């Protein structure tokens, strides 16, 4: 088994790291909240590191699953960053949702440290992460991705190789642009039904048994029906960030994305109105006019 450093024990990262521990890999974890890393280490026969550099030191694979570009770059750079501890020949695997520009910058910095880089973001819910059933979009040198495949398959049911570096990041943004479009459509349609006198649960029952019953609609039922009782699965502010990045890619590629533009504008309005830390399904709360503190 391999020595793996895993950085980022959020809603998705924690079950992903747990699956690698269950598979028998020697795991060292780091999290911005140190207590969370210590708890994970105690419960999963792993070790916890104080810094990204200490986590990466000696690891065969260094996996990052962080919130955004700033967090990812901060974890890599500086005297206590991953790059300072990365050993020659190691493989750094980023599974975050970030800009292709960030991916290409890190690829070059990791190469300068004598190591290899793979961008391998994921698609799937927290339940899929727990079940090691994620879809993983991997990009980089093919022989390096092949070396990383045993690690990736410990977290996902399908690993799709997409070619050169940054294509994993681009594909993830394409997928998330659809997810956030679904969120916008479900939110406004649900509010339409409610304001027309149809009870929320009845309307959602129809959604679940209609042509729109995508997996997203199914596993987000509780969040839409009981927003004030359901834990946040994906912050609304992160959905806005994803669409901002997707539109940057679209502008570079010359690809029109009018739906993404509309959805991003609406999410931006909700963020500015104080809904940033609600689940992205809280967009329906914004459309209802429910104060964000009640969501």
Protein backbone atom coordinates (compact mmCIF):
# COMPACT_ATOMS: atom_id res chain seq x y z
CA UNK A 1 0.00 0.00 0.00
CA UNK A 2 1.02 3.61 -0.58
CA UNK A 3 1.79 6.50 1.72
CA UNK A 4 -0.85 9.17 1.09
CA UNK A 5 -1.15 12.74 2.33
CA UNK A 6 -4.71 14.06 2.22
CA UNK A 7 -5.31 17.79 2.69
CA UNK A 8 -8.86 19.06 3.15
CA UNK A 9 -11.36 17.21 5.33
CA UNK A 10 -14.53 19.02 4.31
CA UNK A 11 -17.89 17.50 3.46
CA UNK A 12 -16.44 15.63 0.48
CA UNK A 13 -12.82 15.26 1.53
CA UNK A 14 -13.51 13.56 4.83
CA UNK A 15 -15.32 10.48 3.41
CA UNK A 16 -12.86 10.31 0.52
CA UNK A 17 -9.92 10.19 2.93
CA UNK A 18 -11.75 7.66 5.09
CA UNK A 19 -12.10 5.33 2.12
CA UNK A 20 -8.36 5.47 1.47
CA UNK A 21 -7.72 4.64 5.11
CA UNK A 22 -10.15 1.71 4.90
CA UNK A 23 -8.27 0.46 1.83
CA UNK A 24 -5.15 0.16 3.97
CA UNK A 25 -3.11 3.12 2.74
CA UNK A 26 -0.84 4.81 5.26
CA UNK A 27 -2.56 8.17 5.62
CA UNK A 28 -1.36 11.53 6.92
CA UNK A 29 -3.99 14.27 6.96
CA UNK A 30 -4.03 18.04 7.25
CA UNK A 31 -6.96 20.37 7.68
CA UNK A 32 -7.15 24.10 8.31
CA UNK A 33 -9.06 23.26 11.50
CA UNK A 34 -6.44 21.15 13.25
CA UNK A 35 -8.90 19.51 15.63
CA UNK A 36 -10.75 17.98 12.70
CA UNK A 37 -7.55 16.39 11.41
CA UNK A 38 -6.71 15.09 14.89
CA UNK A 39 -10.17 13.53 15.26
CA UNK A 40 -9.91 11.90 11.84
CA UNK A 41 -6.46 10.51 12.60
CA UNK A 42 -7.65 9.01 15.87
CA UNK A 43 -10.70 7.40 14.27
CA UNK A 44 -8.99 6.11 11.10
CA UNK A 45 -5.58 4.87 12.24
CA UNK A 46 -3.91 7.80 10.48
CA UNK A 47 -1.59 10.61 11.51
CA UNK A 48 -2.30 14.34 11.54
CA UNK A 49 0.18 16.97 10.37
CA UNK A 50 0.50 20.54 11.63
CA UNK A 51 1.32 21.99 8.20
CA UNK A 52 0.85 21.05 4.53
CA UNK A 53 4.62 20.68 4.27
CA UNK A 54 4.69 18.13 7.07
CA UNK A 55 1.78 16.23 5.53
CA UNK A 56 3.47 16.02 2.13
CA UNK A 57 6.91 15.05 3.44
CA UNK A 58 7.68 11.46 2.40
CA UNK A 59 4.27 10.80 0.83
CA UNK A 60 3.97 8.86 -2.44
CA UNK A 61 0.73 10.71 -3.25
CA UNK A 62 -0.41 14.13 -2.04
CA UNK A 63 -4.14 14.74 -2.48
CA UNK A 64 -5.78 18.15 -2.10
CA UNK A 65 -9.55 18.67 -1.78
CA UNK A 66 -9.92 22.34 -0.88
CA UNK A 67 -12.61 24.99 -1.23
CA UNK A 68 -11.20 27.32 -3.88
CA UNK A 69 -8.16 28.58 -5.77
CA UNK A 70 -6.89 30.75 -2.92
CA UNK A 71 -7.01 27.90 -0.41
CA UNK A 72 -5.30 25.53 -2.86
CA UNK A 73 -2.49 27.92 -3.72
CA UNK A 74 -1.97 28.82 -0.07
CA UNK A 75 -1.63 25.14 0.83
CA UNK A 76 1.05 24.64 -1.82
CA UNK A 77 3.17 27.74 -1.47
CA UNK A 78 5.33 29.25 1.23
CA UNK A 79 7.81 27.73 3.68
CA UNK A 80 5.14 25.48 5.21
CA UNK A 81 3.45 24.57 1.92
CA UNK A 82 3.20 21.29 0.05
CA UNK A 83 5.89 22.29 -2.45
CA UNK A 84 8.40 22.68 0.37
CA UNK A 85 7.77 19.12 1.55
CA UNK A 86 7.06 17.31 -1.72
CA UNK A 87 9.59 14.60 -2.42
CA UNK A 88 10.97 14.05 -5.95
CA UNK A 89 8.90 11.52 -7.87
CA UNK A 90 5.76 11.98 -5.77
CA UNK A 91 2.40 12.55 -7.44
CA UNK A 92 0.31 15.55 -6.38
CA UNK A 93 -3.38 15.05 -7.14
CA UNK A 94 -5.74 17.99 -6.90
CA UNK A 95 -9.42 17.06 -6.64
CA UNK A 96 -10.77 20.55 -5.91
CA UNK A 97 -12.98 22.66 -8.19
CA UNK A 98 -10.65 25.42 -9.35
CA UNK A 99 -9.60 27.45 -12.35
CA UNK A 100 -7.66 25.74 -15.17
CA UNK A 101 -5.13 28.58 -14.80
CA UNK A 102 -4.47 27.52 -11.22
CA UNK A 103 -4.07 23.90 -12.31
CA UNK A 104 -1.49 24.81 -14.96
CA UNK A 105 0.44 27.03 -12.54
CA UNK A 106 0.60 24.24 -9.94
CA UNK A 107 1.56 21.67 -12.56
CA UNK A 108 4.62 23.74 -13.42
CA UNK A 109 5.52 24.42 -9.79
CA UNK A 110 5.17 20.76 -8.86
CA UNK A 111 7.33 19.80 -11.85
CA UNK A 112 9.99 22.28 -10.73
CA UNK A 113 10.05 20.42 -7.40
CA UNK A 114 10.78 17.18 -9.27
CA UNK A 115 7.31 15.70 -8.77
CA UNK A 116 4.23 15.07 -10.94
CA UNK A 117 0.78 16.67 -11.04
CA UNK A 118 -2.68 15.34 -11.86
CA UNK A 119 -5.91 17.33 -11.81
CA UNK A 120 -8.71 14.93 -10.88
CA UNK A 121 -11.86 16.70 -9.64
CA UNK A 122 -14.92 14.65 -8.80
CA UNK A 123 -18.63 14.55 -9.49
CA UNK A 124 -21.11 13.13 -7.00
CA UNK A 125 -22.85 13.75 -3.72
CA UNK A 126 -21.50 13.28 -0.20
CA UNK A 127 -23.31 9.92 -0.24
CA UNK A 128 -21.35 8.95 -3.35
CA UNK A 129 -18.14 10.08 -1.67
CA UNK A 130 -18.96 7.90 1.34
CA UNK A 131 -19.69 4.91 -0.90
CA UNK A 132 -16.51 5.46 -2.97
CA UNK A 133 -18.80 5.85 -5.99
CA UNK A 134 -17.63 9.22 -7.33
CA UNK A 135 -16.91 9.94 -10.97
CA UNK A 136 -13.34 11.21 -11.26
CA UNK A 137 -12.20 13.41 -14.17
CA UNK A 138 -8.44 12.93 -14.45
CA UNK A 139 -5.97 14.85 -16.59
CA UNK A 140 -2.21 15.09 -16.97
CA UNK A 141 0.46 12.78 -18.37
CA UNK A 142 -1.31 9.51 -19.06
CA UNK A 143 1.35 7.30 -17.51
CA UNK A 144 1.22 9.40 -14.33
CA UNK A 145 -2.57 9.12 -14.20
CA UNK A 146 -2.16 5.35 -14.62
CA UNK A 147 0.21 5.29 -11.64
CA UNK A 148 -2.37 7.24 -9.62
CA UNK A 149 -5.31 5.11 -10.74
CA UNK A 150 -5.19 2.65 -7.79
CA UNK A 151 -5.52 5.61 -5.44
CA UNK A 152 -8.29 7.22 -7.49
CA UNK A 153 -10.31 4.02 -7.73
CA UNK A 154 -10.25 3.84 -3.95
CA UNK A 155 -12.48 6.92 -3.99
CA UNK A 156 -14.53 6.56 -7.18
CA UNK A 157 -16.35 4.00 -9.30
CA UNK A 158 -15.31 5.60 -12.60
CA UNK A 159 -12.06 7.32 -13.57
CA UNK A 160 -12.24 9.07 -16.95
CA UNK A 161 -8.92 10.11 -18.49
CA UNK A 162 -9.39 13.40 -20.34
CA UNK A 163 -5.93 14.19 -21.67
CA UNK A 164 -3.61 17.08 -20.95
CA UNK A 165 -3.46 19.02 -17.69
CA UNK A 166 -6.39 21.34 -16.88
CA UNK A 167 -8.96 19.32 -18.84
CA UNK A 168 -10.11 17.71 -15.59
CA UNK A 169 -10.73 21.17 -14.15
CA UNK A 170 -12.54 22.28 -17.31
CA UNK A 171 -14.75 19.18 -17.35
CA UNK A 172 -15.66 19.67 -13.69
CA UNK A 173 -16.73 23.25 -14.38
CA UNK A 174 -18.83 22.03 -17.32
CA UNK A 175 -20.54 19.46 -15.09
CA UNK A 176 -21.13 21.98 -12.32
CA UNK A 177 -22.61 24.49 -14.73
CA UNK A 178 -25.35 21.91 -15.37
CA UNK A 179 -25.76 21.15 -11.66
CA UNK A 180 -26.16 24.83 -10.81
CA UNK A 181 -28.58 25.26 -13.72
CA UNK A 182 -30.68 22.47 -12.24
CA UNK A 183 -30.54 24.20 -8.88
CA UNK A 184 -31.79 27.42 -10.40
CA UNK A 185 -34.56 25.69 -12.32
CA UNK A 186 -35.76 23.62 -9.35
CA UNK A 187 -35.65 26.65 -7.04
CA UNK A 188 -37.74 28.91 -9.24
CA UNK A 189 -40.18 26.17 -10.28
CA UNK A 190 -40.75 25.15 -6.67
CA UNK A 191 -41.44 28.74 -5.67
CA UNK A 192 -43.79 29.10 -8.65
CA UNK A 193 -45.81 26.10 -7.46
CA UNK A 194 -45.87 27.34 -3.85
CA UNK A 195 -46.97 30.87 -4.76
CA UNK A 196 -49.72 29.32 -6.88
CA UNK A 197 -51.10 27.49 -3.85
CA UNK A 198 -49.51 24.05 -4.28
CA UNK A 199 -47.88 22.72 -1.08
CA UNK A 200 -44.11 22.42 -1.29
CA UNK A 201 -44.00 18.69 -0.57
CA UNK A 202 -46.67 17.95 -3.17
CA UNK A 203 -44.81 19.92 -5.80
CA UNK A 204 -41.57 18.13 -5.00
CA UNK A 205 -43.31 14.74 -5.15
CA UNK A 206 -44.26 15.57 -8.72
CA UNK A 207 -40.69 16.61 -9.52
CA UNK A 208 -39.45 13.27 -8.21
CA UNK A 209 -41.83 11.36 -10.45
CA UNK A 210 -41.50 13.40 -13.63
CA UNK A 211 -39.10 13.88 -16.52
CA UNK A 212 -36.94 16.16 -14.34
CA UNK A 213 -36.15 13.52 -11.69
CA UNK A 214 -32.36 13.68 -12.10
CA UNK A 215 -30.17 12.31 -9.29
CA UNK A 216 -29.56 15.91 -8.14
CA UNK A 217 -33.30 16.44 -7.70
CA UNK A 218 -33.59 13.18 -5.78
CA UNK A 219 -30.76 13.56 -3.29
CA UNK A 220 -31.44 17.24 -2.60
CA UNK A 221 -35.10 16.70 -1.65
CA UNK A 222 -34.67 17.42 2.06
CA UNK A 223 -32.72 20.61 1.38
CA UNK A 224 -35.49 22.02 -0.80
CA UNK A 225 -38.39 20.86 1.36
CA UNK A 226 -36.91 21.64 4.80
CA UNK A 227 -34.16 24.22 4.28
CA UNK A 228 -34.10 25.28 7.92
CA UNK A 229 -33.59 21.70 9.16
CA UNK A 230 -31.15 20.29 6.60
CA UNK A 231 -27.35 20.64 6.95
CA UNK A 232 -25.53 22.60 4.28
CA UNK A 233 -24.15 20.26 1.62
CA UNK A 234 -22.75 22.84 -0.80
CA UNK A 235 -22.54 26.55 0.04
CA UNK A 236 -24.34 28.93 -2.26
CA UNK A 237 -21.21 31.10 -2.47
CA UNK A 238 -19.26 28.14 -3.90
CA UNK A 239 -21.90 27.62 -6.59
CA UNK A 240 -21.46 31.25 -7.62
CA UNK A 241 -17.68 30.74 -7.67
CA UNK A 242 -18.04 27.70 -9.93
CA UNK A 243 -20.10 29.59 -12.48
CA UNK A 244 -17.68 32.51 -12.42
CA UNK A 245 -14.85 30.13 -13.28
CA UNK A 246 -16.93 28.33 -15.92
CA UNK A 247 -17.69 31.65 -17.61
CA UNK A 248 -14.00 32.55 -17.61
CA UNK A 249 -13.27 29.28 -19.42
CA UNK A 250 -16.15 29.92 -21.82
CA UNK A 251 -14.82 33.37 -22.63
CA UNK A 252 -11.39 31.92 -23.40
CA UNK A 253 -12.84 29.10 -25.52
CA UNK A 254 -15.38 31.27 -27.33
CA UNK A 255 -18.25 29.13 -26.06
CA UNK A 256 -21.59 30.87 -25.41
CA UNK A 257 -23.13 30.10 -22.00
CA UNK A 258 -26.24 32.29 -21.67
CA UNK A 259 -27.87 30.03 -19.06
CA UNK A 260 -24.73 30.07 -16.92
CA UNK A 261 -24.61 33.86 -17.17
CA UNK A 262 -28.19 34.13 -15.94
CA UNK A 263 -27.67 31.59 -13.15
CA UNK A 264 -24.49 33.26 -12.00
CA UNK A 265 -26.18 36.67 -11.90
CA UNK A 266 -28.97 35.29 -9.72
CA UNK A 267 -26.53 33.53 -7.38
CA UNK A 268 -24.50 36.73 -7.13
CA UNK A 269 -27.64 38.61 -6.12
CA UNK A 270 -28.34 36.00 -3.43
CA UNK A 271 -24.76 36.17 -2.13
CA UNK A 272 -24.94 39.97 -1.94
CA UNK A 273 -28.27 39.67 -0.11
CA UNK A 274 -26.71 37.56 2.65
CA UNK A 275 -27.43 34.00 1.51
CA UNK A 276 -23.79 33.04 0.81
CA UNK A 277 -23.49 30.48 3.62
CA UNK A 278 -26.79 28.74 2.96
CA UNK A 279 -26.89 25.56 0.94
CA UNK A 280 -27.16 26.37 -2.76
CA UNK A 281 -30.78 25.20 -2.60
CA UNK A 282 -31.20 28.32 -0.45
CA UNK A 283 -31.66 30.09 -3.76
CA UNK A 284 -35.31 29.10 -3.36
CA UNK A 285 -35.32 30.89 0.01
CA UNK A 286 -33.96 33.99 -1.71
CA UNK A 287 -36.72 33.79 -4.34
CA UNK A 288 -39.33 33.31 -1.62
CA UNK A 289 -38.05 36.40 0.15
CA UNK A 290 -37.26 34.45 3.32
CA UNK A 291 -34.63 36.31 5.37
CA UNK A 292 -31.29 34.44 5.17
CA UNK A 293 -31.07 34.09 8.94
CA UNK A 294 -34.24 31.98 8.80
CA UNK A 295 -32.89 29.70 6.08
